[in-house]
Amino acid sequence: MKLEEVEMKLTESAFRVDRAVCPHCNLKMHKTIENKSLFEGALTFHIIKLKCEKCSREYMDLEQAQVYDLFLAVRKLKEKPIYDVAEKISQQIILNNRRSRHQSFGRE
């Protein structure tokens, strides 16, 4: 069997999930927005999830998972000394840049 080369172009929206079916219940999932606040509401993260009404399982696309990761990192860091916070934020930025480069590698 001979493989044939195929050229594809993907846009940024190709990685967004707008519709889904629950893999456990086989029912259509509904989009929900969860607001997570830090620093007495001074910073709010809006996280879009797809939720199954039957089993209550929730799923996020890659972009929303990165927002949630950032929320968790900031929440964890808010109680540490400022020099620790700066170091952790720098590490998160480096990690996100690596992810972005890795994702864009296949699109060029």
Protein backbone atom coordinates (compact mmCIF):
# COMPACT_ATOMS: atom_id res chain seq x y z
CA MET A 1 0.00 0.00 0.00
CA LYS A 2 1.42 3.33 -1.08
CA LEU A 3 0.80 6.41 1.06
CA GLU A 4 -0.10 9.66 -0.59
CA GLU A 5 1.00 13.06 0.66
CA VAL A 6 -1.81 15.44 1.60
CA GLU A 7 -1.47 19.15 2.25
CA MET A 8 -3.77 20.71 4.84
CA LYS A 9 -4.21 24.21 6.18
CA LEU A 10 -5.71 24.65 9.62
CA THR A 11 -6.97 27.86 11.14
CA GLU A 12 -6.87 28.76 14.82
CA SER A 13 -10.58 27.95 15.10
CA ALA A 14 -9.88 24.32 14.16
CA PHE A 15 -8.84 23.66 17.77
CA ARG A 16 -11.94 25.19 19.36
CA VAL A 17 -14.78 22.93 20.44
CA ASP A 18 -18.26 24.41 20.10
CA ARG A 19 -20.35 21.24 20.06
CA ALA A 20 -19.86 17.83 21.61
CA VAL A 21 -21.58 14.63 22.60
CA CYS A 22 -20.87 13.10 26.01
CA PRO A 23 -18.73 9.98 25.49
CA HIS A 24 -20.38 8.32 28.51
CA CYS A 25 -24.07 9.16 27.96
CA ASN A 26 -24.13 9.84 24.22
CA LEU A 27 -26.14 13.04 24.83
CA LYS A 28 -25.51 16.51 23.45
CA MET A 29 -23.44 18.63 25.85
CA HIS A 30 -24.32 22.23 26.69
CA LYS A 31 -21.94 25.16 26.86
CA THR A 32 -21.58 26.76 30.31
CA ILE A 33 -19.47 29.65 31.54
CA GLU A 34 -17.83 29.44 34.92
CA ASN A 35 -16.47 32.65 36.45
CA LYS A 36 -13.55 32.22 38.83
CA SER A 37 -12.47 35.31 40.77
CA LEU A 38 -9.28 36.09 42.66
CA PHE A 39 -8.14 39.01 44.78
CA GLU A 40 -11.67 39.88 45.96
CA GLY A 41 -13.00 40.06 42.40
CA ALA A 42 -10.19 42.21 40.99
CA LEU A 43 -9.24 39.41 38.60
CA THR A 44 -11.86 37.15 37.00
CA PHE A 45 -11.31 34.20 34.70
CA HIS A 46 -14.21 33.26 32.40
CA ILE A 47 -13.89 29.56 31.64
CA ILE A 48 -16.12 28.04 28.95
CA LYS A 49 -16.94 24.38 29.46
CA LEU A 50 -19.13 21.78 27.80
CA LYS A 51 -21.28 19.97 30.37
CA CYS A 52 -23.40 16.84 30.19
CA GLU A 53 -26.79 17.40 31.84
CA LYS A 54 -27.15 13.71 32.72
CA CYS A 55 -23.79 12.73 34.26
CA SER A 56 -22.51 16.29 35.01
CA ARG A 57 -19.12 15.62 33.42
CA GLU A 58 -17.41 18.74 32.10
CA TYR A 59 -14.92 19.15 29.26
CA MET A 60 -12.83 22.06 27.92
CA ASP A 61 -11.04 22.65 24.66
CA LEU A 62 -7.29 23.31 24.68
CA GLU A 63 -7.64 27.10 24.83
CA GLN A 64 -9.97 26.99 27.83
CA ALA A 65 -7.77 24.40 29.55
CA GLN A 66 -4.86 26.85 29.28
CA VAL A 67 -7.01 29.60 30.86
CA TYR A 68 -7.92 27.22 33.69
CA ASP A 69 -4.23 26.26 34.16
CA LEU A 70 -3.36 29.94 34.48
CA PHE A 71 -6.18 30.45 37.02
CA LEU A 72 -4.88 27.53 39.11
CA ALA A 73 -1.31 28.84 38.96
CA VAL A 74 -2.30 32.36 40.04
CA ARG A 75 -4.56 31.02 42.80
CA LYS A 76 -1.74 28.87 44.13
CA LEU A 77 0.76 31.72 43.96
CA LYS A 78 -1.31 34.47 45.56
CA GLU A 79 -0.26 33.37 49.05
CA LYS A 80 3.48 33.15 48.37
CA PRO A 81 6.10 35.90 48.70
CA ILE A 82 6.33 38.21 45.68
CA TYR A 83 9.69 36.88 44.42
CA ASP A 84 8.25 33.36 44.28
CA VAL A 85 5.21 34.69 42.41
CA ALA A 86 7.36 36.44 39.79
CA GLU A 87 9.40 33.28 39.23
CA LYS A 88 6.31 31.09 38.83
CA ILE A 89 4.65 33.52 36.42
CA SER A 90 7.83 33.55 34.32
CA GLN A 91 7.81 29.76 34.24
CA GLN A 92 4.13 29.74 33.18
CA ILE A 93 4.83 32.22 30.36
CA ILE A 94 7.75 30.09 29.13
CA LEU A 95 5.58 26.95 29.25
CA ASN A 96 2.76 28.65 27.32
CA ASN A 97 5.23 29.90 24.69
CA ARG A 98 6.59 26.37 24.25
CA ARG A 99 3.05 25.02 23.85
CA SER A 100 2.23 27.69 21.28
CA ARG A 101 5.36 26.93 19.28
CA HIS A 102 4.65 23.20 19.48
CA GLN A 103 1.05 23.68 18.26
CA SER A 104 2.05 25.99 15.42
CA PHE A 105 4.84 23.64 14.30
CA GLY A 106 2.46 21.43 12.34
CA ARG A 107 0.68 24.37 10.68
CA GLU A 108 3.63 25.93 8.89
